[in-house]
Amino acid sequence: MSSALLVETRNLYGVVAAESRSAPVQHLAGWQVEEQQGETDTVLSAAALCVGVGSFADPDDLPGLAHFLEHMVFMGSLKYPDENGFDAFLKKHGGSDNASTDCERTVFQFDVQRKYFKEALDR
């Protein structure tokens, strides 16, 4: 029997990179692992970034600014100007993204097929 193995690494900036691959069943503290039929050959890589700014940092005259900016991050950039291009890229290559804002931090995360991971990081 096999399941997904999640390998996590962190760099000095708090960026988390994780990789999922087929492996013997292992119990990983703090992680809930599910196996999907027919997906055992799919290798995904993932990254997450936690920014130490949340809604407590919103200016009094702009409540909701941190949450608004959370959504704007995925709307394009100078190098990749297509609106929602990052999301479309990830979906095309078997991945997904998500973000959340709380009182003191904003977290961005995504996963994608391993062979497209470097390109996704560039986006």
N, C-alpha and C. Protein backbone atom coordinates (compact mmCIF):
# COMPACT_ATOMS: atom_id res chain seq x y z
N MET A 1 0.85 -1.18 0.00
CA MET A 1 0.00 0.00 0.00
C MET A 1 0.89 1.24 0.00
N SER A 2 0.48 2.27 -0.73
CA SER A 2 1.27 3.51 -0.76
C SER A 2 0.37 4.70 -0.50
N SER A 3 1.00 5.80 -0.17
CA SER A 3 0.28 7.06 0.02
C SER A 3 1.20 8.19 -0.36
N ALA A 4 0.71 9.40 -0.24
CA ALA A 4 1.53 10.55 -0.56
C ALA A 4 2.49 10.84 0.58
N LEU A 5 3.71 11.18 0.24
CA LEU A 5 4.71 11.58 1.22
C LEU A 5 4.95 13.06 1.03
N LEU A 6 4.86 13.82 2.10
CA LEU A 6 5.06 15.26 2.03
C LEU A 6 6.40 15.59 2.64
N VAL A 7 7.28 16.19 1.84
CA VAL A 7 8.60 16.58 2.29
C VAL A 7 8.62 18.09 2.34
N GLU A 8 8.93 18.66 3.51
CA GLU A 8 8.85 20.11 3.69
C GLU A 8 10.23 20.67 3.98
N THR A 9 10.56 21.81 3.36
CA THR A 9 11.79 22.54 3.66
C THR A 9 11.45 24.01 3.80
N ARG A 10 12.21 24.72 4.63
CA ARG A 10 12.01 26.16 4.82
C ARG A 10 13.33 26.87 4.55
N ASN A 11 13.24 28.08 4.00
CA ASN A 11 14.44 28.87 3.85
C ASN A 11 14.45 30.00 4.87
N LEU A 12 15.47 30.82 4.84
CA LEU A 12 15.63 31.90 5.83
C LEU A 12 14.51 32.93 5.78
N TYR A 13 13.80 33.02 4.67
CA TYR A 13 12.76 34.03 4.51
C TYR A 13 11.38 33.52 4.88
N GLY A 14 11.29 32.31 5.37
CA GLY A 14 10.01 31.75 5.77
C GLY A 14 9.24 31.13 4.62
N VAL A 15 9.87 31.01 3.44
CA VAL A 15 9.20 30.37 2.31
C VAL A 15 9.27 28.86 2.51
N VAL A 16 8.14 28.22 2.42
CA VAL A 16 8.07 26.78 2.60
C VAL A 16 7.91 26.13 1.24
N ALA A 17 8.73 25.15 0.96
CA ALA A 17 8.57 24.36 -0.26
C ALA A 17 8.27 22.93 0.17
N ALA A 18 7.32 22.31 -0.48
CA ALA A 18 6.96 20.94 -0.12
C ALA A 18 6.81 20.13 -1.39
N GLU A 19 7.07 18.85 -1.28
CA GLU A 19 6.96 17.98 -2.44
C GLU A 19 6.17 16.76 -2.03
N SER A 20 5.29 16.33 -2.90
CA SER A 20 4.46 15.16 -2.63
C SER A 20 4.80 14.10 -3.67
N ARG A 21 4.99 12.87 -3.22
CA ARG A 21 5.26 11.79 -4.16
C ARG A 21 4.79 10.47 -3.58
N SER A 22 4.67 9.49 -4.43
CA SER A 22 4.24 8.17 -3.98
C SER A 22 5.30 7.57 -3.07
N ALA A 23 4.86 7.01 -1.94
CA ALA A 23 5.79 6.44 -0.97
C ALA A 23 5.05 5.44 -0.10
N PRO A 24 5.78 4.60 0.62
CA PRO A 24 5.11 3.71 1.57
C PRO A 24 4.35 4.53 2.61
N VAL A 25 3.31 3.94 3.17
CA VAL A 25 2.49 4.64 4.16
C VAL A 25 3.36 5.11 5.31
N GLN A 26 3.24 6.39 5.65
CA GLN A 26 3.94 6.96 6.79
C GLN A 26 2.98 7.88 7.51
N HIS A 27 3.07 7.92 8.82
CA HIS A 27 2.25 8.83 9.60
C HIS A 27 3.07 10.07 9.86
N LEU A 28 2.62 11.21 9.36
CA LEU A 28 3.34 12.46 9.51
C LEU A 28 2.61 13.34 10.50
N ALA A 29 3.27 13.69 11.58
CA ALA A 29 2.65 14.51 12.62
C ALA A 29 2.15 15.82 12.03
N GLY A 30 0.89 16.13 12.28
CA GLY A 30 0.33 17.39 11.85
C GLY A 30 -0.17 17.43 10.41
N TRP A 31 0.02 16.37 9.65
CA TRP A 31 -0.42 16.37 8.25
C TRP A 31 -1.46 15.27 8.07
N GLN A 32 -2.53 15.61 7.38
CA GLN A 32 -3.53 14.62 7.01
C GLN A 32 -3.24 14.25 5.57
N VAL A 33 -3.01 13.00 5.30
CA VAL A 33 -2.61 12.54 3.97
C VAL A 33 -3.72 11.69 3.38
N GLU A 34 -4.09 11.97 2.15
CA GLU A 34 -5.09 11.19 1.44
C GLU A 34 -4.48 10.66 0.16
N GLU A 35 -4.82 9.45 -0.19
CA GLU A 35 -4.40 8.89 -1.46
C GLU A 35 -5.56 8.94 -2.43
N GLN A 36 -5.29 9.39 -3.65
CA GLN A 36 -6.33 9.44 -4.67
C GLN A 36 -6.01 8.36 -5.70
N GLN A 37 -7.01 7.54 -6.03
CA GLN A 37 -6.83 6.49 -7.00
C GLN A 37 -6.38 7.08 -8.34
N GLY A 38 -5.42 6.43 -8.98
CA GLY A 38 -4.97 6.87 -10.29
C GLY A 38 -4.03 8.05 -10.26
N GLU A 39 -3.71 8.56 -9.09
CA GLU A 39 -2.85 9.74 -8.98
C GLU A 39 -1.48 9.40 -8.42
N THR A 40 -1.16 8.12 -8.26
CA THR A 40 0.07 7.76 -7.57
C THR A 40 1.32 8.17 -8.32
N ASP A 41 1.27 8.38 -9.63
CA ASP A 41 2.45 8.79 -10.38
C ASP A 41 2.59 10.31 -10.47
N THR A 42 1.62 11.04 -10.01
CA THR A 42 1.67 12.50 -10.07
C THR A 42 2.55 13.02 -8.95
N VAL A 43 3.51 13.84 -9.32
CA VAL A 43 4.39 14.46 -8.33
C VAL A 43 4.07 15.94 -8.29
N LEU A 44 3.69 16.43 -7.12
CA LEU A 44 3.38 17.84 -6.94
C LEU A 44 4.43 18.49 -6.06
N SER A 45 4.75 19.73 -6.36
CA SER A 45 5.57 20.55 -5.48
C SER A 45 4.72 21.72 -5.03
N ALA A 46 5.02 22.23 -3.85
CA ALA A 46 4.21 23.31 -3.29
C ALA A 46 5.09 24.33 -2.59
N ALA A 47 4.58 25.54 -2.49
CA ALA A 47 5.28 26.60 -1.76
C ALA A 47 4.25 27.43 -1.01
N ALA A 48 4.69 28.01 0.09
CA ALA A 48 3.83 28.90 0.87
C ALA A 48 4.69 30.06 1.37
N LEU A 49 4.09 31.21 1.47
CA LEU A 49 4.76 32.41 1.96
C LEU A 49 3.87 33.06 3.00
N CYS A 50 4.42 33.31 4.17
CA CYS A 50 3.69 33.99 5.24
C CYS A 50 4.29 35.38 5.41
N VAL A 51 3.47 36.41 5.19
CA VAL A 51 3.89 37.80 5.36
C VAL A 51 3.33 38.29 6.69
N GLY A 52 4.18 38.87 7.52
CA GLY A 52 3.78 39.28 8.86
C GLY A 52 2.99 40.57 8.90
N VAL A 53 2.00 40.71 8.02
CA VAL A 53 1.12 41.88 7.99
C VAL A 53 -0.29 41.38 7.72
N GLY A 54 -1.23 41.84 8.55
CA GLY A 54 -2.62 41.45 8.37
C GLY A 54 -3.54 42.63 8.58
N SER A 55 -4.77 42.35 8.93
CA SER A 55 -5.79 43.41 9.02
C SER A 55 -5.51 44.42 10.14
N PHE A 56 -4.75 44.05 11.17
CA PHE A 56 -4.41 45.02 12.22
C PHE A 56 -3.57 46.17 11.65
N ALA A 57 -2.91 45.96 10.52
CA ALA A 57 -2.09 47.00 9.90
C ALA A 57 -2.88 47.90 8.96
N ASP A 58 -4.16 47.61 8.74
CA ASP A 58 -4.98 48.45 7.85
C ASP A 58 -5.03 49.88 8.38
N PRO A 59 -4.85 50.87 7.51
CA PRO A 59 -5.05 52.27 7.94
C PRO A 59 -6.51 52.48 8.35
N ASP A 60 -6.74 53.38 9.28
CA ASP A 60 -8.11 53.64 9.75
C ASP A 60 -9.05 54.02 8.62
N ASP A 61 -8.53 54.75 7.63
CA ASP A 61 -9.38 55.20 6.53
C ASP A 61 -9.48 54.18 5.38
N LEU A 62 -8.80 53.02 5.50
CA LEU A 62 -8.86 51.98 4.47
C LEU A 62 -9.03 50.59 5.10
N PRO A 63 -10.12 50.37 5.84
CA PRO A 63 -10.32 49.04 6.42
C PRO A 63 -10.47 48.00 5.31
N GLY A 64 -9.86 46.84 5.52
CA GLY A 64 -9.93 45.78 4.52
C GLY A 64 -8.79 45.81 3.51
N LEU A 65 -7.85 46.75 3.66
CA LEU A 65 -6.77 46.89 2.68
C LEU A 65 -5.92 45.62 2.58
N ALA A 66 -5.55 45.02 3.70
CA ALA A 66 -4.72 43.81 3.66
C ALA A 66 -5.42 42.68 2.89
N HIS A 67 -6.70 42.50 3.13
CA HIS A 67 -7.45 41.46 2.43
C HIS A 67 -7.58 41.79 0.94
N PHE A 68 -7.80 43.04 0.62
CA PHE A 68 -7.86 43.47 -0.78
C PHE A 68 -6.54 43.16 -1.49
N LEU A 69 -5.42 43.50 -0.84
CA LEU A 69 -4.11 43.26 -1.45
C LEU A 69 -3.83 41.76 -1.60
N GLU A 70 -4.33 40.96 -0.68
CA GLU A 70 -4.21 39.50 -0.80
C GLU A 70 -4.77 39.04 -2.14
N HIS A 71 -5.93 39.57 -2.51
CA HIS A 71 -6.55 39.19 -3.79
C HIS A 71 -5.82 39.78 -4.98
N MET A 72 -5.28 40.96 -4.84
CA MET A 72 -4.60 41.63 -5.95
C MET A 72 -3.31 40.92 -6.35
N VAL A 73 -2.67 40.23 -5.42
CA VAL A 73 -1.41 39.54 -5.71
C VAL A 73 -1.59 38.56 -6.87
N PHE A 74 -2.74 37.94 -6.98
CA PHE A 74 -2.97 36.94 -8.02
C PHE A 74 -3.50 37.54 -9.33
N MET A 75 -3.60 38.84 -9.41
CA MET A 75 -4.23 39.48 -10.57
C MET A 75 -3.27 39.79 -11.72
N GLY A 76 -1.99 39.50 -11.58
CA GLY A 76 -1.03 39.74 -12.64
C GLY A 76 0.12 40.60 -12.15
N SER A 77 1.14 40.72 -13.00
CA SER A 77 2.34 41.49 -12.67
C SER A 77 2.88 42.10 -13.95
N LEU A 78 3.95 42.87 -13.84
CA LEU A 78 4.56 43.44 -15.04
C LEU A 78 5.05 42.34 -15.98
N LYS A 79 5.67 41.30 -15.42
CA LYS A 79 6.21 40.22 -16.24
C LYS A 79 5.11 39.31 -16.79
N TYR A 80 4.06 39.09 -16.00
CA TYR A 80 2.94 38.23 -16.39
C TYR A 80 1.64 39.02 -16.19
N PRO A 81 1.30 39.88 -17.14
CA PRO A 81 0.20 40.83 -16.94
C PRO A 81 -1.22 40.27 -17.08
N ASP A 82 -1.38 39.03 -17.55
CA ASP A 82 -2.73 38.50 -17.74
C ASP A 82 -3.46 38.38 -16.40
N GLU A 83 -4.64 38.99 -16.34
CA GLU A 83 -5.45 38.89 -15.13
C GLU A 83 -5.77 37.43 -14.85
N ASN A 84 -5.53 37.00 -13.63
CA ASN A 84 -5.75 35.61 -13.20
C ASN A 84 -4.88 34.61 -13.95
N GLY A 85 -3.79 35.07 -14.55
CA GLY A 85 -2.90 34.19 -15.30
C GLY A 85 -2.22 33.14 -14.43
N PHE A 86 -1.89 33.51 -13.19
CA PHE A 86 -1.24 32.56 -12.29
C PHE A 86 -2.18 31.40 -11.98
N ASP A 87 -3.40 31.72 -11.65
CA ASP A 87 -4.40 30.70 -11.36
C ASP A 87 -4.62 29.80 -12.57
N ALA A 88 -4.72 30.39 -13.75
CA ALA A 88 -4.92 29.60 -14.97
C ALA A 88 -3.72 28.69 -15.23
N PHE A 89 -2.51 29.21 -15.02
CA PHE A 89 -1.29 28.41 -15.20
C PHE A 89 -1.31 27.20 -14.27
N LEU A 90 -1.62 27.43 -13.00
CA LEU A 90 -1.64 26.34 -12.03
C LEU A 90 -2.69 25.29 -12.39
N LYS A 91 -3.89 25.73 -12.72
CA LYS A 91 -4.96 24.78 -13.06
C LYS A 91 -4.59 23.96 -14.29
N LYS A 92 -3.96 24.60 -15.28
CA LYS A 92 -3.55 23.91 -16.50
C LYS A 92 -2.54 22.80 -16.20
N HIS A 93 -1.76 23.00 -15.14
CA HIS A 93 -0.70 22.05 -14.80
C HIS A 93 -0.98 21.31 -13.49
N GLY A 94 -2.26 21.03 -13.23
CA GLY A 94 -2.66 20.18 -12.13
C GLY A 94 -2.51 20.76 -10.74
N GLY A 95 -2.47 22.08 -10.64
CA GLY A 95 -2.25 22.71 -9.34
C GLY A 95 -3.41 23.57 -8.88
N SER A 96 -3.17 24.24 -7.77
CA SER A 96 -4.16 25.14 -7.19
C SER A 96 -3.44 26.17 -6.34
N ASP A 97 -4.17 27.21 -5.95
CA ASP A 97 -3.60 28.22 -5.07
C ASP A 97 -4.65 28.66 -4.06
N ASN A 98 -4.18 29.31 -3.02
CA ASN A 98 -5.07 29.83 -2.00
C ASN A 98 -4.31 30.88 -1.21
N ALA A 99 -5.05 31.72 -0.53
CA ALA A 99 -4.45 32.74 0.33
C ALA A 99 -5.44 33.05 1.44
N SER A 100 -4.91 33.60 2.53
CA SER A 100 -5.77 34.00 3.63
C SER A 100 -5.13 35.17 4.37
N THR A 101 -5.98 36.01 4.91
CA THR A 101 -5.52 37.14 5.71
C THR A 101 -6.18 37.05 7.07
N ASP A 102 -5.38 37.15 8.12
CA ASP A 102 -5.96 37.24 9.46
C ASP A 102 -5.46 38.54 10.09
N CYS A 103 -5.55 38.65 11.37
CA CYS A 103 -5.22 39.91 12.04
C CYS A 103 -3.76 40.31 11.92
N GLU A 104 -2.85 39.35 11.92
CA GLU A 104 -1.43 39.68 11.96
C GLU A 104 -0.60 39.11 10.83
N ARG A 105 -1.20 38.39 9.91
CA ARG A 105 -0.41 37.81 8.81
C ARG A 105 -1.28 37.52 7.60
N THR A 106 -0.61 37.42 6.45
CA THR A 106 -1.24 37.03 5.20
C THR A 106 -0.43 35.86 4.65
N VAL A 107 -1.11 34.79 4.28
CA VAL A 107 -0.44 33.57 3.82
C VAL A 107 -0.88 33.28 2.39
N PHE A 108 0.11 33.01 1.54
CA PHE A 108 -0.12 32.63 0.14
C PHE A 108 0.45 31.23 -0.04
N GLN A 109 -0.27 30.37 -0.78
CA GLN A 109 0.22 29.01 -1.00
C GLN A 109 -0.24 28.51 -2.36
N PHE A 110 0.56 27.62 -2.94
CA PHE A 110 0.17 26.99 -4.20
C PHE A 110 0.85 25.64 -4.32
N ASP A 111 0.28 24.79 -5.19
CA ASP A 111 0.93 23.55 -5.59
C ASP A 111 0.75 23.39 -7.08
N VAL A 112 1.64 22.64 -7.69
CA VAL A 112 1.64 22.45 -9.14
C VAL A 112 2.45 21.21 -9.45
N GLN A 113 2.25 20.63 -10.64
CA GLN A 113 3.07 19.49 -11.04
C GLN A 113 4.54 19.90 -10.97
N ARG A 114 5.33 18.97 -10.46
CA ARG A 114 6.74 19.27 -10.17
C ARG A 114 7.48 19.89 -11.35
N LYS A 115 7.26 19.42 -12.56
CA LYS A 115 8.03 19.93 -13.69
C LYS A 115 7.71 21.39 -14.01
N TYR A 116 6.63 21.94 -13.45
CA TYR A 116 6.28 23.34 -13.68
C TYR A 116 6.53 24.22 -12.46
N PHE A 117 7.14 23.64 -11.41
CA PHE A 117 7.31 24.36 -10.15
C PHE A 117 8.17 25.62 -10.29
N LYS A 118 9.32 25.51 -10.94
CA LYS A 118 10.19 26.69 -11.09
C LYS A 118 9.50 27.80 -11.86
N GLU A 119 8.78 27.43 -12.91
CA GLU A 119 8.05 28.45 -13.67
C GLU A 119 6.96 29.09 -12.82
N ALA A 120 6.29 28.30 -12.00
CA ALA A 120 5.26 28.84 -11.12
C ALA A 120 5.87 29.80 -10.10
N LEU A 121 7.04 29.47 -9.56
CA LEU A 121 7.71 30.38 -8.63
C LEU A 121 8.06 31.70 -9.30
N ASP A 122 8.40 31.66 -10.56
CA ASP A 122 8.74 32.87 -11.30
C ASP A 122 7.54 33.78 -11.49
N ARG A 123 6.37 33.18 -11.53
CA ARG A 123 5.15 33.95 -11.74
C ARG A 123 4.74 34.66 -10.49
